[in-house]
Amino acid sequence: MKCAKCGFLTSWKRIRCPVCGSCMAEFHVNKGTVLESWKLNVTPEGLEESYYINLVKVENGKILCKSKEHLTEGSSTIIEDNVCRSL
């Protein structure tokens, strides 16, 4: 999703931009480079017991996506439905 006004990017579906409140539009990003990867050991009820949240640099900014495995900093990744995996 991408904000039509300020350009904020996210891989999670949102109606309004959390930065400026404008409408979000569909924006499909499918490749990027991993900047950081964090393992979440305590997750919300109903989700996997643990997974990784990854900060990924894409063409027009940075987004967060989750993965089942640790993604190495600098590695290429593909993003599909808010989930990233190594290329």
N, C-alpha and C. Protein backbone atom coordinates (compact mmCIF):
# COMPACT_ATOMS: atom_id res chain seq x y z
N MET A 1 0.85 -1.16 0.00
CA MET A 1 0.00 0.00 0.00
C MET A 1 0.90 1.24 0.00
N LYS A 2 0.45 2.27 -0.68
CA LYS A 2 1.21 3.52 -0.75
C LYS A 2 0.26 4.68 -0.56
N CYS A 3 0.67 5.65 0.28
CA CYS A 3 -0.14 6.83 0.51
C CYS A 3 -0.13 7.70 -0.74
N ALA A 4 -1.31 8.12 -1.17
CA ALA A 4 -1.43 8.95 -2.35
C ALA A 4 -0.86 10.35 -2.13
N LYS A 5 -0.80 10.79 -0.86
CA LYS A 5 -0.35 12.16 -0.56
C LYS A 5 1.12 12.23 -0.17
N CYS A 6 1.54 11.48 0.85
CA CYS A 6 2.91 11.63 1.37
C CYS A 6 3.87 10.54 0.89
N GLY A 7 3.36 9.47 0.27
CA GLY A 7 4.22 8.42 -0.26
C GLY A 7 4.61 7.33 0.73
N PHE A 8 4.04 7.35 1.96
CA PHE A 8 4.33 6.31 2.96
C PHE A 8 4.03 4.94 2.36
N LEU A 9 4.97 3.98 2.54
CA LEU A 9 4.80 2.62 2.02
C LEU A 9 4.61 1.63 3.14
N THR A 10 3.76 0.64 2.93
CA THR A 10 3.59 -0.47 3.87
C THR A 10 3.14 -1.70 3.11
N SER A 11 3.48 -2.87 3.62
CA SER A 11 2.99 -4.09 2.97
C SER A 11 1.69 -4.57 3.60
N TRP A 12 1.27 -3.92 4.71
CA TRP A 12 0.01 -4.26 5.36
C TRP A 12 -1.13 -3.42 4.79
N LYS A 13 -2.30 -4.01 4.64
CA LYS A 13 -3.44 -3.28 4.09
C LYS A 13 -3.94 -2.26 5.10
N ARG A 14 -4.14 -1.03 4.62
CA ARG A 14 -4.65 0.07 5.44
C ARG A 14 -5.59 0.91 4.58
N ILE A 15 -6.59 1.50 5.20
CA ILE A 15 -7.48 2.41 4.50
C ILE A 15 -6.89 3.82 4.51
N ARG A 16 -6.35 4.20 5.67
CA ARG A 16 -5.78 5.55 5.85
C ARG A 16 -4.30 5.46 6.19
N CYS A 17 -3.56 6.46 5.75
CA CYS A 17 -2.14 6.56 6.03
C CYS A 17 -1.93 6.90 7.51
N PRO A 18 -1.05 6.16 8.23
CA PRO A 18 -0.80 6.47 9.63
C PRO A 18 0.03 7.75 9.81
N VAL A 19 0.63 8.25 8.75
CA VAL A 19 1.45 9.46 8.83
C VAL A 19 0.62 10.72 8.62
N CYS A 20 -0.16 10.75 7.53
CA CYS A 20 -0.89 11.99 7.21
C CYS A 20 -2.41 11.83 7.16
N GLY A 21 -2.93 10.60 7.22
CA GLY A 21 -4.37 10.39 7.23
C GLY A 21 -5.03 10.31 5.87
N SER A 22 -4.27 10.44 4.80
CA SER A 22 -4.83 10.36 3.44
C SER A 22 -5.14 8.92 3.07
N CYS A 23 -5.81 8.74 1.94
CA CYS A 23 -6.18 7.41 1.47
C CYS A 23 -4.96 6.65 0.97
N MET A 24 -4.96 5.36 1.26
CA MET A 24 -3.90 4.47 0.78
C MET A 24 -4.34 3.84 -0.53
N ALA A 25 -3.39 3.59 -1.42
CA ALA A 25 -3.69 2.98 -2.71
C ALA A 25 -2.87 1.70 -2.84
N GLU A 26 -3.38 0.75 -3.61
CA GLU A 26 -2.64 -0.49 -3.86
C GLU A 26 -1.32 -0.15 -4.55
N PHE A 27 -0.26 -0.76 -4.09
CA PHE A 27 1.07 -0.56 -4.66
C PHE A 27 1.80 -1.87 -4.51
N HIS A 28 2.09 -2.51 -5.61
CA HIS A 28 2.67 -3.84 -5.55
C HIS A 28 4.19 -3.78 -5.66
N VAL A 29 4.83 -4.18 -4.60
CA VAL A 29 6.28 -4.28 -4.55
C VAL A 29 6.59 -5.75 -4.46
N ASN A 30 7.49 -6.24 -5.30
CA ASN A 30 7.77 -7.66 -5.21
C ASN A 30 9.23 -8.01 -5.02
N LYS A 31 10.13 -7.02 -5.08
CA LYS A 31 11.55 -7.31 -4.85
C LYS A 31 12.19 -6.21 -4.02
N GLY A 32 13.17 -6.59 -3.23
CA GLY A 32 13.87 -5.61 -2.42
C GLY A 32 15.14 -6.19 -1.81
N THR A 33 15.81 -5.37 -1.00
CA THR A 33 17.04 -5.76 -0.33
C THR A 33 16.84 -5.65 1.18
N VAL A 34 17.19 -6.68 1.91
CA VAL A 34 17.00 -6.72 3.35
C VAL A 34 17.98 -5.77 4.03
N LEU A 35 17.44 -4.88 4.87
CA LEU A 35 18.27 -3.97 5.66
C LEU A 35 18.48 -4.50 7.07
N GLU A 36 17.44 -5.05 7.68
CA GLU A 36 17.49 -5.61 9.04
C GLU A 36 16.47 -6.73 9.14
N SER A 37 16.71 -7.64 10.08
CA SER A 37 15.78 -8.74 10.34
C SER A 37 15.74 -8.99 11.84
N TRP A 38 14.54 -9.00 12.42
CA TRP A 38 14.36 -9.21 13.86
C TRP A 38 13.47 -10.42 14.10
N LYS A 39 13.85 -11.27 15.05
CA LYS A 39 13.02 -12.42 15.40
C LYS A 39 12.05 -12.02 16.50
N LEU A 40 10.78 -12.31 16.30
CA LEU A 40 9.75 -12.09 17.31
C LEU A 40 9.47 -13.42 17.99
N ASN A 41 9.79 -13.51 19.27
CA ASN A 41 9.55 -14.74 20.01
C ASN A 41 8.21 -14.72 20.72
N VAL A 42 7.69 -13.54 21.00
CA VAL A 42 6.37 -13.38 21.61
C VAL A 42 5.50 -12.71 20.57
N THR A 43 4.50 -13.44 20.09
CA THR A 43 3.67 -12.94 18.99
C THR A 43 2.21 -12.85 19.43
N PRO A 44 1.41 -12.09 18.67
CA PRO A 44 -0.01 -11.98 19.00
C PRO A 44 -0.70 -13.35 18.95
N GLU A 45 -1.70 -13.52 19.80
CA GLU A 45 -2.46 -14.77 19.84
C GLU A 45 -3.05 -15.07 18.47
N GLY A 46 -2.93 -16.32 18.06
CA GLY A 46 -3.48 -16.74 16.77
C GLY A 46 -2.46 -16.73 15.64
N LEU A 47 -1.26 -16.18 15.88
CA LEU A 47 -0.21 -16.18 14.86
C LEU A 47 0.83 -17.23 15.21
N GLU A 48 1.78 -17.44 14.30
CA GLU A 48 2.85 -18.40 14.54
C GLU A 48 3.52 -18.10 15.88
N GLU A 49 4.15 -19.12 16.45
CA GLU A 49 4.82 -18.94 17.74
C GLU A 49 5.98 -17.98 17.63
N SER A 50 6.71 -18.00 16.54
CA SER A 50 7.78 -17.02 16.33
C SER A 50 7.95 -16.83 14.82
N TYR A 51 8.36 -15.64 14.44
CA TYR A 51 8.66 -15.33 13.04
C TYR A 51 9.55 -14.10 13.01
N TYR A 52 9.98 -13.71 11.85
CA TYR A 52 10.87 -12.57 11.69
C TYR A 52 10.13 -11.40 11.05
N ILE A 53 10.46 -10.21 11.50
CA ILE A 53 10.02 -8.97 10.86
C ILE A 53 11.25 -8.41 10.17
N ASN A 54 11.10 -8.06 8.90
CA ASN A 54 12.23 -7.60 8.10
C ASN A 54 11.99 -6.20 7.56
N LEU A 55 13.01 -5.36 7.66
CA LEU A 55 12.99 -4.04 7.04
C LEU A 55 13.64 -4.21 5.68
N VAL A 56 12.89 -3.90 4.63
CA VAL A 56 13.34 -4.15 3.27
C VAL A 56 13.34 -2.85 2.47
N LYS A 57 14.44 -2.57 1.80
CA LYS A 57 14.54 -1.41 0.92
C LYS A 57 13.97 -1.80 -0.44
N VAL A 58 12.98 -1.05 -0.88
CA VAL A 58 12.36 -1.28 -2.18
C VAL A 58 12.62 -0.05 -3.04
N GLU A 59 12.15 -0.09 -4.27
CA GLU A 59 12.43 0.98 -5.23
C GLU A 59 12.13 2.38 -4.71
N ASN A 60 10.98 2.57 -4.07
CA ASN A 60 10.55 3.90 -3.66
C ASN A 60 10.58 4.14 -2.16
N GLY A 61 11.29 3.32 -1.39
CA GLY A 61 11.32 3.53 0.06
C GLY A 61 11.68 2.26 0.80
N LYS A 62 11.12 2.11 2.00
CA LYS A 62 11.37 0.95 2.85
C LYS A 62 10.03 0.42 3.35
N ILE A 63 9.93 -0.90 3.49
CA ILE A 63 8.71 -1.51 4.02
C ILE A 63 9.09 -2.59 5.03
N LEU A 64 8.11 -3.01 5.83
CA LEU A 64 8.26 -4.13 6.74
C LEU A 64 7.48 -5.31 6.19
N CYS A 65 8.05 -6.50 6.29
CA CYS A 65 7.33 -7.71 5.93
C CYS A 65 7.80 -8.83 6.85
N LYS A 66 7.03 -9.89 6.95
CA LYS A 66 7.41 -10.98 7.85
C LYS A 66 7.94 -12.16 7.04
N SER A 67 8.71 -13.01 7.72
CA SER A 67 9.23 -14.23 7.10
C SER A 67 9.35 -15.32 8.16
N LYS A 68 9.41 -16.55 7.70
CA LYS A 68 9.57 -17.68 8.61
C LYS A 68 11.04 -17.91 8.95
N GLU A 69 11.95 -17.46 8.08
CA GLU A 69 13.37 -17.66 8.32
C GLU A 69 14.08 -16.32 8.43
N HIS A 70 15.25 -16.34 9.05
CA HIS A 70 16.08 -15.15 9.16
C HIS A 70 16.60 -14.79 7.77
N LEU A 71 16.43 -13.54 7.37
CA LEU A 71 16.96 -13.06 6.10
C LEU A 71 18.20 -12.23 6.39
N THR A 72 19.28 -12.53 5.70
CA THR A 72 20.56 -11.89 5.93
C THR A 72 20.58 -10.47 5.37
N GLU A 73 21.15 -9.55 6.14
CA GLU A 73 21.29 -8.16 5.71
C GLU A 73 22.00 -8.12 4.35
N GLY A 74 21.44 -7.36 3.42
CA GLY A 74 22.02 -7.23 2.09
C GLY A 74 21.52 -8.24 1.08
N SER A 75 20.78 -9.26 1.54
CA SER A 75 20.27 -10.28 0.61
C SER A 75 19.05 -9.77 -0.15
N SER A 76 18.85 -10.33 -1.33
CA SER A 76 17.68 -9.99 -2.14
C SER A 76 16.49 -10.80 -1.66
N THR A 77 15.32 -10.19 -1.71
CA THR A 77 14.11 -10.87 -1.25
C THR A 77 12.96 -10.60 -2.21
N ILE A 78 12.03 -11.51 -2.20
CA ILE A 78 10.79 -11.33 -2.95
C ILE A 78 9.67 -11.22 -1.93
N ILE A 79 8.69 -10.35 -2.19
CA ILE A 79 7.61 -10.08 -1.26
C ILE A 79 6.29 -10.44 -1.92
N GLU A 80 5.53 -11.32 -1.27
CA GLU A 80 4.22 -11.74 -1.76
C GLU A 80 3.26 -11.80 -0.59
N ASP A 81 2.18 -11.05 -0.64
CA ASP A 81 1.15 -11.05 0.41
C ASP A 81 1.73 -10.80 1.80
N ASN A 82 2.54 -9.75 1.93
CA ASN A 82 3.16 -9.32 3.20
C ASN A 82 4.20 -10.29 3.75
N VAL A 83 4.57 -11.30 2.98
CA VAL A 83 5.56 -12.27 3.42
C VAL A 83 6.77 -12.18 2.48
N CYS A 84 7.98 -12.12 3.08
CA CYS A 84 9.18 -12.08 2.25
C CYS A 84 9.93 -13.38 2.37
N ARG A 85 10.65 -13.70 1.31
CA ARG A 85 11.50 -14.89 1.30
C ARG A 85 12.71 -14.61 0.43
N SER A 86 13.79 -15.34 0.67
CA SER A 86 15.02 -15.15 -0.10
C SER A 86 14.81 -15.52 -1.55
N LEU A 87 15.53 -14.80 -2.40
CA LEU A 87 15.52 -15.14 -3.83
C LEU A 87 16.50 -16.24 -4.12
